[in-house]
Amino acid sequence: VWKPFAKIATDNPESGWARYQAAWVAAGCHRELEKALEYAKKAVETEPTNRSFRECLAEVQFRLGKREPAVKLAKELFAEEPRNWHYQRQLERYKSAAFDSPLPDSEDD
């Protein structure tokens, strides 16, 4: 799965969406995380206010064991949308869960 997403990101270097998709796949599979970090950072650079891109960056950082930057981004996302329970769950997960812990349920209560 990684190769097609990485190719799309490489073929479309100005596309934040392409880089976001590749980074999200890598984070979900726990593979290619260093490249995913690069892609996620570039996606955020293209659209700094895009919450999905920033959430992806936080997830990749977390998967790499970089708890502090993941928590910082999660706090920012939750502050922007305090009624979003997914962001709250992510914040709690980033603070204390194992780096290989599964994503929280994305459905709001």
PDB file of N, CA and C in Angstrom:
ATOM      1  N   VAL A   1       0.824  -1.196   0.000  1.00  0.00           N
ATOM      2  CA  VAL A   1       0.000   0.000   0.000  1.00  0.00           C
ATOM      3  C   VAL A   1       0.869   1.260   0.000  1.00  0.00           C
ATOM      4  N   TRP A   2       2.016   1.191   0.669  1.00  0.00           N
ATOM      5  CA  TRP A   2       2.863   2.366   0.809  1.00  0.00           C
ATOM      6  C   TRP A   2       3.338   2.898  -0.540  1.00  0.00           C
ATOM      7  N   LYS A   3       3.789   2.020  -1.438  1.00  0.00           N
ATOM      8  CA  LYS A   3       4.404   2.466  -2.687  1.00  0.00           C
ATOM      9  C   LYS A   3       3.494   3.357  -3.526  1.00  0.00           C
ATOM     10  N   PRO A   4       2.227   3.006  -3.743  1.00  0.00           N
ATOM     11  CA  PRO A   4       1.378   3.909  -4.539  1.00  0.00           C
ATOM     12  C   PRO A   4       1.169   5.274  -3.876  1.00  0.00           C
ATOM     13  N   PHE A   5       0.990   5.282  -2.564  1.00  0.00           N
ATOM     14  CA  PHE A   5       0.801   6.563  -1.874  1.00  0.00           C
ATOM     15  C   PHE A   5       2.068   7.404  -1.913  1.00  0.00           C
ATOM     16  N   ALA A   6       3.217   6.778  -1.720  1.00  0.00           N
ATOM     17  CA  ALA A   6       4.481   7.503  -1.785  1.00  0.00           C
ATOM     18  C   ALA A   6       4.729   8.038  -3.197  1.00  0.00           C
ATOM     19  N   LYS A   7       4.356   7.262  -4.198  1.00  0.00           N
ATOM     20  CA  LYS A   7       4.523   7.720  -5.585  1.00  0.00           C
ATOM     21  C   LYS A   7       3.632   8.925  -5.868  1.00  0.00           C
ATOM     22  N   ILE A   8       2.399   8.888  -5.402  1.00  0.00           N
ATOM     23  CA  ILE A   8       1.497  10.026  -5.599  1.00  0.00           C
ATOM     24  C   ILE A   8       2.075  11.268  -4.921  1.00  0.00           C
ATOM     25  N   ALA A   9       2.592  11.102  -3.712  1.00  0.00           N
ATOM     26  CA  ALA A   9       3.189  12.238  -2.997  1.00  0.00           C
ATOM     27  C   ALA A   9       4.418  12.757  -3.720  1.00  0.00           C
ATOM     28  N   THR A  10       5.239  11.860  -4.230  1.00  0.00           N
ATOM     29  CA  THR A  10       6.443  12.258  -4.963  1.00  0.00           C
ATOM     30  C   THR A  10       6.084  12.931  -6.291  1.00  0.00           C
ATOM     31  N   ASP A  11       5.089  12.394  -6.970  1.00  0.00           N
ATOM     32  CA  ASP A  11       4.669  12.949  -8.266  1.00  0.00           C
ATOM     33  C   ASP A  11       3.955  14.290  -8.127  1.00  0.00           C
ATOM     34  N   ASN A  12       3.464  14.581  -6.932  1.00  0.00           N
ATOM     35  CA  ASN A  12       2.716  15.817  -6.685  1.00  0.00           C
ATOM     36  C   ASN A  12       3.308  16.539  -5.477  1.00  0.00           C
ATOM     37  N   PRO A  13       4.527  17.057  -5.617  1.00  0.00           N
ATOM     38  CA  PRO A  13       5.227  17.610  -4.454  1.00  0.00           C
ATOM     39  C   PRO A  13       4.555  18.817  -3.813  1.00  0.00           C
ATOM     40  N   GLU A  14       3.691  19.500  -4.519  1.00  0.00           N
ATOM     41  CA  GLU A  14       2.999  20.660  -3.947  1.00  0.00           C
ATOM     42  C   GLU A  14       1.664  20.292  -3.310  1.00  0.00           C
ATOM     43  N   SER A  15       1.286  19.033  -3.390  1.00  0.00           N
ATOM     44  CA  SER A  15      -0.014  18.601  -2.876  1.00  0.00           C
ATOM     45  C   SER A  15       0.077  18.187  -1.413  1.00  0.00           C
ATOM     46  N   GLY A  16      -0.491  18.999  -0.550  1.00  0.00           N
ATOM     47  CA  GLY A  16      -0.557  18.642   0.858  1.00  0.00           C
ATOM     48  C   GLY A  16      -1.393  17.402   1.061  1.00  0.00           C
ATOM     49  N   TRP A  17      -2.480  17.296   0.291  1.00  0.00           N
ATOM     50  CA  TRP A  17      -3.366  16.149   0.413  1.00  0.00           C
ATOM     51  C   TRP A  17      -2.620  14.849   0.119  1.00  0.00           C
ATOM     52  N   ALA A  18      -1.805  14.828  -0.941  1.00  0.00           N
ATOM     53  CA  ALA A  18      -1.069  13.618  -1.305  1.00  0.00           C
ATOM     54  C   ALA A  18      -0.094  13.234  -0.195  1.00  0.00           C
ATOM     55  N   ARG A  19       0.578  14.218   0.360  1.00  0.00           N
ATOM     56  CA  ARG A  19       1.534  13.943   1.435  1.00  0.00           C
ATOM     57  C   ARG A  19       0.817  13.483   2.706  1.00  0.00           C
ATOM     58  N   TYR A  20      -0.303  14.099   3.000  1.00  0.00           N
ATOM     59  CA  TYR A  20      -1.114  13.700   4.152  1.00  0.00           C
ATOM     60  C   TYR A  20      -1.551  12.237   4.015  1.00  0.00           C
ATOM     61  N   GLN A  21      -2.047  11.867   2.855  1.00  0.00           N
ATOM     62  CA  GLN A  21      -2.528  10.500   2.646  1.00  0.00           C
ATOM     63  C   GLN A  21      -1.400   9.484   2.846  1.00  0.00           C
ATOM     64  N   ALA A  22      -0.239   9.780   2.275  1.00  0.00           N
ATOM     65  CA  ALA A  22       0.896   8.866   2.426  1.00  0.00           C
ATOM     66  C   ALA A  22       1.319   8.759   3.893  1.00  0.00           C
ATOM     67  N   ALA A  23       1.363   9.887   4.575  1.00  0.00           N
ATOM     68  CA  ALA A  23       1.767   9.885   5.988  1.00  0.00           C
ATOM     69  C   ALA A  23       0.766   9.122   6.842  1.00  0.00           C
ATOM     70  N   TRP A  24      -0.515   9.296   6.562  1.00  0.00           N
ATOM     71  CA  TRP A  24      -1.545   8.623   7.353  1.00  0.00           C
ATOM     72  C   TRP A  24      -1.483   7.110   7.161  1.00  0.00           C
ATOM     73  N   VAL A  25      -1.262   6.670   5.932  1.00  0.00           N
ATOM     74  CA  VAL A  25      -1.124   5.231   5.664  1.00  0.00           C
ATOM     75  C   VAL A  25       0.078   4.677   6.431  1.00  0.00           C
ATOM     76  N   ALA A  26       1.182   5.374   6.376  1.00  0.00           N
ATOM     77  CA  ALA A  26       2.386   4.918   7.072  1.00  0.00           C
ATOM     78  C   ALA A  26       2.158   4.837   8.580  1.00  0.00           C
ATOM     79  N   ALA A  27       1.528   5.850   9.136  1.00  0.00           N
ATOM     80  CA  ALA A  27       1.266   5.847  10.586  1.00  0.00           C
ATOM     81  C   ALA A  27       0.343   4.688  10.955  1.00  0.00           C
ATOM     82  N   GLY A  28      -0.674   4.474  10.149  1.00  0.00           N
ATOM     83  CA  GLY A  28      -1.623   3.389  10.425  1.00  0.00           C
ATOM     84  C   GLY A  28      -0.985   2.016  10.349  1.00  0.00           C
ATOM     85  N   CYS A  29      -0.002   1.878   9.489  1.00  0.00           N
ATOM     86  CA  CYS A  29       0.683   0.595   9.314  1.00  0.00           C
ATOM     87  C   CYS A  29       1.929   0.470  10.186  1.00  0.00           C
ATOM     88  N   HIS A  30       2.306   1.550  10.872  1.00  0.00           N
ATOM     89  CA  HIS A  30       3.514   1.565  11.707  1.00  0.00           C
ATOM     90  C   HIS A  30       4.769   1.301  10.879  1.00  0.00           C
ATOM     91  N   ARG A  31       4.784   1.835   9.661  1.00  0.00           N
ATOM     92  CA  ARG A  31       5.934   1.630   8.772  1.00  0.00           C
ATOM     93  C   ARG A  31       6.311   2.940   8.102  1.00  0.00           C
ATOM     94  N   GLU A  32       7.549   2.999   7.642  1.00  0.00           N
ATOM     95  CA  GLU A  32       8.031   4.171   6.908  1.00  0.00           C
ATOM     96  C   GLU A  32       7.786   5.466   7.692  1.00  0.00           C
ATOM     97  N   LEU A  33       7.946   5.406   9.006  1.00  0.00           N
ATOM     98  CA  LEU A  33       7.564   6.533   9.852  1.00  0.00           C
ATOM     99  C   LEU A  33       8.452   7.762   9.677  1.00  0.00           C
ATOM    100  N   GLU A  34       9.721   7.582   9.403  1.00  0.00           N
ATOM    101  CA  GLU A  34      10.587   8.752   9.178  1.00  0.00           C
ATOM    102  C   GLU A  34      10.152   9.493   7.917  1.00  0.00           C
ATOM    103  N   LYS A  35       9.849   8.757   6.869  1.00  0.00           N
ATOM    104  CA  LYS A  35       9.362   9.384   5.632  1.00  0.00           C
ATOM    105  C   LYS A  35       7.973   9.985   5.879  1.00  0.00           C
ATOM    106  N   ALA A  36       7.165   9.312   6.654  1.00  0.00           N
ATOM    107  CA  ALA A  36       5.835   9.832   6.988  1.00  0.00           C
ATOM    108  C   ALA A  36       5.946  11.153   7.732  1.00  0.00           C
ATOM    109  N   LEU A  37       6.927  11.266   8.617  1.00  0.00           N
ATOM    110  CA  LEU A  37       7.120  12.517   9.344  1.00  0.00           C
ATOM    111  C   LEU A  37       7.440  13.649   8.370  1.00  0.00           C
ATOM    112  N   GLU A  38       8.304  13.370   7.425  1.00  0.00           N
ATOM    113  CA  GLU A  38       8.643  14.367   6.408  1.00  0.00           C
ATOM    114  C   GLU A  38       7.388  14.773   5.611  1.00  0.00           C
ATOM    115  N   TYR A  39       6.622  13.785   5.190  1.00  0.00           N
ATOM    116  CA  TYR A  39       5.405  14.069   4.421  1.00  0.00           C
ATOM    117  C   TYR A  39       4.389  14.857   5.244  1.00  0.00           C
ATOM    118  N   ALA A  40       4.196  14.451   6.490  1.00  0.00           N
ATOM    119  CA  ALA A  40       3.206  15.134   7.337  1.00  0.00           C
ATOM    120  C   ALA A  40       3.618  16.583   7.589  1.00  0.00           C
ATOM    121  N   LYS A  41       4.892  16.820   7.828  1.00  0.00           N
ATOM    122  CA  LYS A  41       5.361  18.193   8.038  1.00  0.00           C
ATOM    123  C   LYS A  41       5.135  19.037   6.791  1.00  0.00           C
ATOM    124  N   LYS A  42       5.411  18.477   5.631  1.00  0.00           N
ATOM    125  CA  LYS A  42       5.214  19.227   4.384  1.00  0.00           C
ATOM    126  C   LYS A  42       3.734  19.475   4.129  1.00  0.00           C
ATOM    127  N   ALA A  43       2.884  18.521   4.471  1.00  0.00           N
ATOM    128  CA  ALA A  43       1.446  18.717   4.316  1.00  0.00           C
ATOM    129  C   ALA A  43       0.990  19.898   5.172  1.00  0.00           C
ATOM    130  N   VAL A  44       1.452  19.949   6.410  1.00  0.00           N
ATOM    131  CA  VAL A  44       1.095  21.047   7.306  1.00  0.00           C
ATOM    132  C   VAL A  44       1.648  22.369   6.778  1.00  0.00           C
ATOM    133  N   GLU A  45       2.831  22.338   6.203  1.00  0.00           N
ATOM    134  CA  GLU A  45       3.392  23.559   5.614  1.00  0.00           C
ATOM    135  C   GLU A  45       2.501  24.094   4.497  1.00  0.00           C
ATOM    136  N   THR A  46       1.902  23.199   3.710  1.00  0.00           N
ATOM    137  CA  THR A  46       1.054  23.649   2.600  1.00  0.00           C
ATOM    138  C   THR A  46      -0.252  24.247   3.090  1.00  0.00           C
ATOM    139  N   GLU A  47      -0.783  23.707   4.192  1.00  0.00           N
ATOM    140  CA  GLU A  47      -2.047  24.196   4.753  1.00  0.00           C
ATOM    141  C   GLU A  47      -1.964  24.166   6.277  1.00  0.00           C
ATOM    142  N   PRO A  48      -1.346  25.178   6.879  1.00  0.00           N
ATOM    143  CA  PRO A  48      -1.113  25.168   8.325  1.00  0.00           C
ATOM    144  C   PRO A  48      -2.373  25.111   9.189  1.00  0.00           C
ATOM    145  N   THR A  49      -3.510  25.502   8.662  1.00  0.00           N
ATOM    146  CA  THR A  49      -4.731  25.475   9.469  1.00  0.00           C
ATOM    147  C   THR A  49      -5.559  24.208   9.255  1.00  0.00           C
ATOM    148  N   ASN A  50      -5.113  23.331   8.395  1.00  0.00           N
ATOM    149  CA  ASN A  50      -5.863  22.104   8.119  1.00  0.00           C
ATOM    150  C   ASN A  50      -5.743  21.166   9.316  1.00  0.00           C
ATOM    151  N   ARG A  51      -6.845  20.934   9.991  1.00  0.00           N
ATOM    152  CA  ARG A  51      -6.820  20.109  11.206  1.00  0.00           C
ATOM    153  C   ARG A  51      -6.449  18.660  10.911  1.00  0.00           C
ATOM    154  N   SER A  52      -6.913  18.128   9.798  1.00  0.00           N
ATOM    155  CA  SER A  52      -6.577  16.742   9.456  1.00  0.00           C
ATOM    156  C   SER A  52      -5.084  16.578   9.251  1.00  0.00           C
ATOM    157  N   PHE A  53      -4.466  17.526   8.584  1.00  0.00           N
ATOM    158  CA  PHE A  53      -3.031  17.446   8.352  1.00  0.00           C
ATOM    159  C   PHE A  53      -2.278  17.515   9.676  1.00  0.00           C
ATOM    160  N   ARG A  54      -2.713  18.394  10.580  1.00  0.00           N
ATOM    161  CA  ARG A  54      -2.044  18.526  11.870  1.00  0.00           C
ATOM    162  C   ARG A  54      -2.276  17.301  12.747  1.00  0.00           C
ATOM    163  N   GLU A  55      -3.464  16.722  12.675  1.00  0.00           N
ATOM    164  CA  GLU A  55      -3.726  15.504  13.434  1.00  0.00           C
ATOM    165  C   GLU A  55      -2.835  14.369  12.934  1.00  0.00           C
ATOM    166  N   CYS A  56      -2.658  14.298  11.635  1.00  0.00           N
ATOM    167  CA  CYS A  56      -1.782  13.284  11.049  1.00  0.00           C
ATOM    168  C   CYS A  56      -0.346  13.482  11.536  1.00  0.00           C
ATOM    169  N   LEU A  57       0.122  14.713  11.544  1.00  0.00           N
ATOM    170  CA  LEU A  57       1.472  14.996  12.024  1.00  0.00           C
ATOM    171  C   LEU A  57       1.621  14.558  13.479  1.00  0.00           C
ATOM    172  N   ALA A  58       0.634  14.847  14.295  1.00  0.00           N
ATOM    173  CA  ALA A  58       0.684  14.431  15.701  1.00  0.00           C
ATOM    174  C   ALA A  58       0.746  12.909  15.810  1.00  0.00           C
ATOM    175  N   GLU A  59      -0.047  12.224  15.009  1.00  0.00           N
ATOM    176  CA  GLU A  59      -0.062  10.758  15.054  1.00  0.00           C
ATOM    177  C   GLU A  59       1.285  10.182  14.645  1.00  0.00           C
ATOM    178  N   VAL A  60       1.882  10.716  13.597  1.00  0.00           N
ATOM    179  CA  VAL A  60       3.188  10.231  13.164  1.00  0.00           C
ATOM    180  C   VAL A  60       4.233  10.490  14.251  1.00  0.00           C
ATOM    181  N   GLN A  61       4.208  11.679  14.841  1.00  0.00           N
ATOM    182  CA  GLN A  61       5.153  11.982  15.919  1.00  0.00           C
ATOM    183  C   GLN A  61       4.982  11.002  17.071  1.00  0.00           C
ATOM    184  N   PHE A  62       3.737  10.737  17.428  1.00  0.00           N
ATOM    185  CA  PHE A  62       3.456   9.801  18.506  1.00  0.00           C
ATOM    186  C   PHE A  62       3.993   8.412  18.172  1.00  0.00           C
ATOM    187  N   ARG A  63       3.734   7.936  16.966  1.00  0.00           N
ATOM    188  CA  ARG A  63       4.211   6.611  16.549  1.00  0.00           C
ATOM    189  C   ARG A  63       5.736   6.512  16.603  1.00  0.00           C
ATOM    190  N   LEU A  64       6.395   7.641  16.386  1.00  0.00           N
ATOM    191  CA  LEU A  64       7.860   7.676  16.441  1.00  0.00           C
ATOM    192  C   LEU A  64       8.393   7.823  17.865  1.00  0.00           C
ATOM    193  N   GLY A  65       7.493   7.905  18.850  1.00  0.00           N
ATOM    194  CA  GLY A  65       7.926   8.048  20.237  1.00  0.00           C
ATOM    195  C   GLY A  65       8.178   9.482  20.649  1.00  0.00           C
ATOM    196  N   LYS A  66       7.708  10.419  19.853  1.00  0.00           N
ATOM    197  CA  LYS A  66       7.887  11.845  20.146  1.00  0.00           C
ATOM    198  C   LYS A  66       6.621  12.361  20.829  1.00  0.00           C
ATOM    199  N   ARG A  67       6.513  12.032  22.094  1.00  0.00           N
ATOM    200  CA  ARG A  67       5.293  12.320  22.848  1.00  0.00           C
ATOM    201  C   ARG A  67       5.012  13.821  22.975  1.00  0.00           C
ATOM    202  N   GLU A  68       6.011  14.609  23.343  1.00  0.00           N
ATOM    203  CA  GLU A  68       5.781  16.041  23.601  1.00  0.00           C
ATOM    204  C   GLU A  68       5.220  16.801  22.400  1.00  0.00           C
ATOM    205  N   PRO A  69       5.802  16.670  21.198  1.00  0.00           N
ATOM    206  CA  PRO A  69       5.215  17.400  20.073  1.00  0.00           C
ATOM    207  C   PRO A  69       3.818  16.900  19.704  1.00  0.00           C
ATOM    208  N   ALA A  70       3.572  15.605  19.901  1.00  0.00           N
ATOM    209  CA  ALA A  70       2.236  15.073  19.623  1.00  0.00           C
ATOM    210  C   ALA A  70       1.220  15.654  20.601  1.00  0.00           C
ATOM    211  N   VAL A  71       1.583  15.722  21.873  1.00  0.00           N
ATOM    212  CA  VAL A  71       0.693  16.300  22.889  1.00  0.00           C
ATOM    213  C   VAL A  71       0.433  17.775  22.589  1.00  0.00           C
ATOM    214  N   LYS A  72       1.475  18.496  22.211  1.00  0.00           N
ATOM    215  CA  LYS A  72       1.319  19.921  21.905  1.00  0.00           C
ATOM    216  C   LYS A  72       0.310  20.135  20.782  1.00  0.00           C
ATOM    217  N   LEU A  73       0.446  19.378  19.703  1.00  0.00           N
ATOM    218  CA  LEU A  73      -0.498  19.512  18.587  1.00  0.00           C
ATOM    219  C   LEU A  73      -1.905  19.097  19.002  1.00  0.00           C
ATOM    220  N   ALA A  74      -2.015  18.026  19.771  1.00  0.00           N
ATOM    221  CA  ALA A  74      -3.329  17.568  20.216  1.00  0.00           C
ATOM    222  C   ALA A  74      -4.005  18.614  21.098  1.00  0.00           C
ATOM    223  N   LYS A  75      -3.239  19.284  21.936  1.00  0.00           N
ATOM    224  CA  LYS A  75      -3.793  20.356  22.773  1.00  0.00           C
ATOM    225  C   LYS A  75      -4.316  21.491  21.895  1.00  0.00           C
ATOM    226  N   GLU A  76      -3.559  21.851  20.871  1.00  0.00           N
ATOM    227  CA  GLU A  76      -3.993  22.921  19.963  1.00  0.00           C
ATOM    228  C   GLU A  76      -5.287  22.533  19.251  1.00  0.00           C
ATOM    229  N   LEU A  77      -5.355  21.307  18.755  1.00  0.00           N
ATOM    230  CA  LEU A  77      -6.551  20.848  18.051  1.00  0.00           C
ATOM    231  C   LEU A  77      -7.759  20.839  18.978  1.00  0.00           C
ATOM    232  N   PHE A  78      -7.570  20.333  20.195  1.00  0.00           N
ATOM    233  CA  PHE A  78      -8.681  20.277  21.142  1.00  0.00           C
ATOM    234  C   PHE A  78      -9.112  21.681  21.554  1.00  0.00           C
ATOM    235  N   ALA A  79      -8.173  22.606  21.691  1.00  0.00           N
ATOM    236  CA  ALA A  79      -8.519  23.992  22.042  1.00  0.00           C
ATOM    237  C   ALA A  79      -9.342  24.644  20.931  1.00  0.00           C
ATOM    238  N   GLU A  80      -9.052  24.302  19.694  1.00  0.00           N
ATOM    239  CA  GLU A  80      -9.799  24.849  18.564  1.00  0.00           C
ATOM    240  C   GLU A  80     -11.196  24.250  18.456  1.00  0.00           C
ATOM    241  N   GLU A  81     -11.331  22.993  18.879  1.00  0.00           N
ATOM    242  CA  GLU A  81     -12.614  22.299  18.808  1.00  0.00           C
ATOM    243  C   GLU A  81     -12.859  21.546  20.112  1.00  0.00           C
ATOM    244  N   PRO A  82     -13.175  22.267  21.184  1.00  0.00           N
ATOM    245  CA  PRO A  82     -13.301  21.613  22.492  1.00  0.00           C
ATOM    246  C   PRO A  82     -14.458  20.626  22.608  1.00  0.00           C
ATOM    247  N   ARG A  83     -15.370  20.631  21.665  1.00  0.00           N
ATOM    248  CA  ARG A  83     -16.471  19.669  21.706  1.00  0.00           C
ATOM    249  C   ARG A  83     -16.161  18.415  20.893  1.00  0.00           C
ATOM    250  N   ASN A  84     -14.981  18.349  20.323  1.00  0.00           N
ATOM    251  CA  ASN A  84     -14.582  17.202  19.518  1.00  0.00           C
ATOM    252  C   ASN A  84     -13.956  16.153  20.443  1.00  0.00           C
ATOM    253  N   TRP A  85     -14.721  15.122  20.754  1.00  0.00           N
ATOM    254  CA  TRP A  85     -14.270  14.112  21.694  1.00  0.00           C
ATOM    255  C   TRP A  85     -13.124  13.279  21.133  1.00  0.00           C
ATOM    256  N   HIS A  86     -13.045  13.183  19.822  1.00  0.00           N
ATOM    257  CA  HIS A  86     -11.913  12.457  19.223  1.00  0.00           C
ATOM    258  C   HIS A  86     -10.601  13.149  19.581  1.00  0.00           C
ATOM    259  N   TYR A  87     -10.567  14.468  19.478  1.00  0.00           N
ATOM    260  CA  TYR A  87      -9.354  15.196  19.839  1.00  0.00           C
ATOM    261  C   TYR A  87      -9.027  15.020  21.314  1.00  0.00           C
ATOM    262  N   GLN A  88     -10.048  15.003  22.148  1.00  0.00           N
ATOM    263  CA  GLN A  88      -9.809  14.798  23.576  1.00  0.00           C
ATOM    264  C   GLN A  88      -9.232  13.404  23.818  1.00  0.00           C
ATOM    265  N   ARG A  89      -9.783  12.406  23.163  1.00  0.00           N
ATOM    266  CA  ARG A  89      -9.264  11.037  23.323  1.00  0.00           C
ATOM    267  C   ARG A  89      -7.823  10.926  22.825  1.00  0.00           C
ATOM    268  N   GLN A  90      -7.547  11.579  21.701  1.00  0.00           N
ATOM    269  CA  GLN A  90      -6.191  11.566  21.174  1.00  0.00           C
ATOM    270  C   GLN A  90      -5.218  12.228  22.157  1.00  0.00           C
ATOM    271  N   LEU A  91      -5.628  13.348  22.709  1.00  0.00           N
ATOM    272  CA  LEU A  91      -4.780  14.045  23.671  1.00  0.00           C
ATOM    273  C   LEU A  91      -4.449  13.131  24.848  1.00  0.00           C
ATOM    274  N   GLU A  92      -5.438  12.477  25.401  1.00  0.00           N
ATOM    275  CA  GLU A  92      -5.207  11.567  26.530  1.00  0.00           C
ATOM    276  C   GLU A  92      -4.304  10.403  26.119  1.00  0.00           C
ATOM    277  N   ARG A  93      -4.531   9.886  24.934  1.00  0.00           N
ATOM    278  CA  ARG A  93      -3.709   8.788  24.429  1.00  0.00           C
ATOM    279  C   ARG A  93      -2.253   9.225  24.284  1.00  0.00           C
ATOM    280  N   TYR A  94      -2.036  10.385  23.690  1.00  0.00           N
ATOM    281  CA  TYR A  94      -0.675  10.868  23.482  1.00  0.00           C
ATOM    282  C   TYR A  94       0.042  11.123  24.803  1.00  0.00           C
ATOM    283  N   LYS A  95      -0.685  11.485  25.816  1.00  0.00           N
ATOM    284  CA  LYS A  95      -0.063  11.770  27.112  1.00  0.00           C
ATOM    285  C   LYS A  95       0.494  10.522  27.787  1.00  0.00           C
ATOM    286  N   SER A  96      -0.191   9.383  27.644  1.00  0.00           N
ATOM    287  CA  SER A  96       0.228   8.258  28.479  1.00  0.00           C
ATOM    288  C   SER A  96       0.207   6.874  27.838  1.00  0.00           C
ATOM    289  N   ALA A  97      -0.382   6.720  26.698  1.00  0.00           N
ATOM    290  CA  ALA A  97      -0.509   5.382  26.113  1.00  0.00           C
ATOM    291  C   ALA A  97       0.798   4.916  25.491  1.00  0.00           C
ATOM    292  N   ALA A  98       0.869   3.628  25.275  1.00  0.00           N
ATOM    293  CA  ALA A  98       2.020   3.055  24.567  1.00  0.00           C
ATOM    294  C   ALA A  98       2.039   3.574  23.139  1.00  0.00           C
ATOM    295  N   PHE A  99       3.224   3.712  22.585  1.00  0.00           N
ATOM    296  CA  PHE A  99       3.362   4.286  21.249  1.00  0.00           C
ATOM    297  C   PHE A  99       2.754   3.421  20.152  1.00  0.00           C
ATOM    298  N   ASP A 100       2.484   2.165  20.443  1.00  0.00           N
ATOM    299  CA  ASP A 100       1.843   1.308  19.456  1.00  0.00           C
ATOM    300  C   ASP A 100       0.354   1.098  19.756  1.00  0.00           C
ATOM    301  N   SER A 101      -0.200   1.933  20.626  1.00  0.00           N
ATOM    302  CA  SER A 101      -1.613   1.798  20.976  1.00  0.00           C
ATOM    303  C   SER A 101      -2.504   2.122  19.777  1.00  0.00           C
ATOM    304  N   PRO A 102      -3.679   1.497  19.701  1.00  0.00           N
ATOM    305  CA  PRO A 102      -4.572   1.751  18.561  1.00  0.00           C
ATOM    306  C   PRO A 102      -5.211   3.137  18.637  1.00  0.00           C
ATOM    307  N   LEU A 103      -5.650   3.604  17.502  1.00  0.00           N
ATOM    308  CA  LEU A 103      -6.386   4.856  17.453  1.00  0.00           C
ATOM    309  C   LEU A 103      -7.664   4.738  18.268  1.00  0.00           C
ATOM    310  N   PRO A 104      -8.083   5.812  18.905  1.00  0.00           N
ATOM    311  CA  PRO A 104      -9.359   5.746  19.631  1.00  0.00           C
ATOM    312  C   PRO A 104     -10.516   5.705  18.634  1.00  0.00           C
ATOM    313  N   ASP A 105     -11.629   5.248  19.118  1.00  0.00           N
ATOM    314  CA  ASP A 105     -12.835   5.255  18.299  1.00  0.00           C
ATOM    315  C   ASP A 105     -13.090   6.676  17.836  1.00  0.00           C
ATOM    316  N   SER A 106     -13.376   6.884  16.573  1.00  0.00           N
ATOM    317  CA  SER A 106     -13.513   8.238  16.050  1.00  0.00           C
ATOM    318  C   SER A 106     -14.913   8.806  16.187  1.00  0.00           C
ATOM    319  N   GLU A 107     -15.835   8.016  16.650  1.00  0.00           N
ATOM    320  CA  GLU A 107     -17.201   8.501  16.780  1.00  0.00           C
ATOM    321  C   GLU A 107     -17.346   9.324  18.043  1.00  0.00           C
ATOM    322  N   ASP A 108     -18.014  10.470  17.900  1.00  0.00           N
ATOM    323  CA  ASP A 108     -18.289  11.309  19.081  1.00  0.00           C
ATOM    324  C   ASP A 108     -19.399  10.698  19.909  1.00  0.00           C
ATOM    325  N   ASP A 109     -19.300  10.869  21.207  1.00  0.00           N
ATOM    326  CA  ASP A 109     -20.352  10.386  22.116  1.00  0.00           C
ATOM    327  C   ASP A 109     -21.567  11.256  22.021  1.00  0.00           C
TER     328      ASP A 109
END
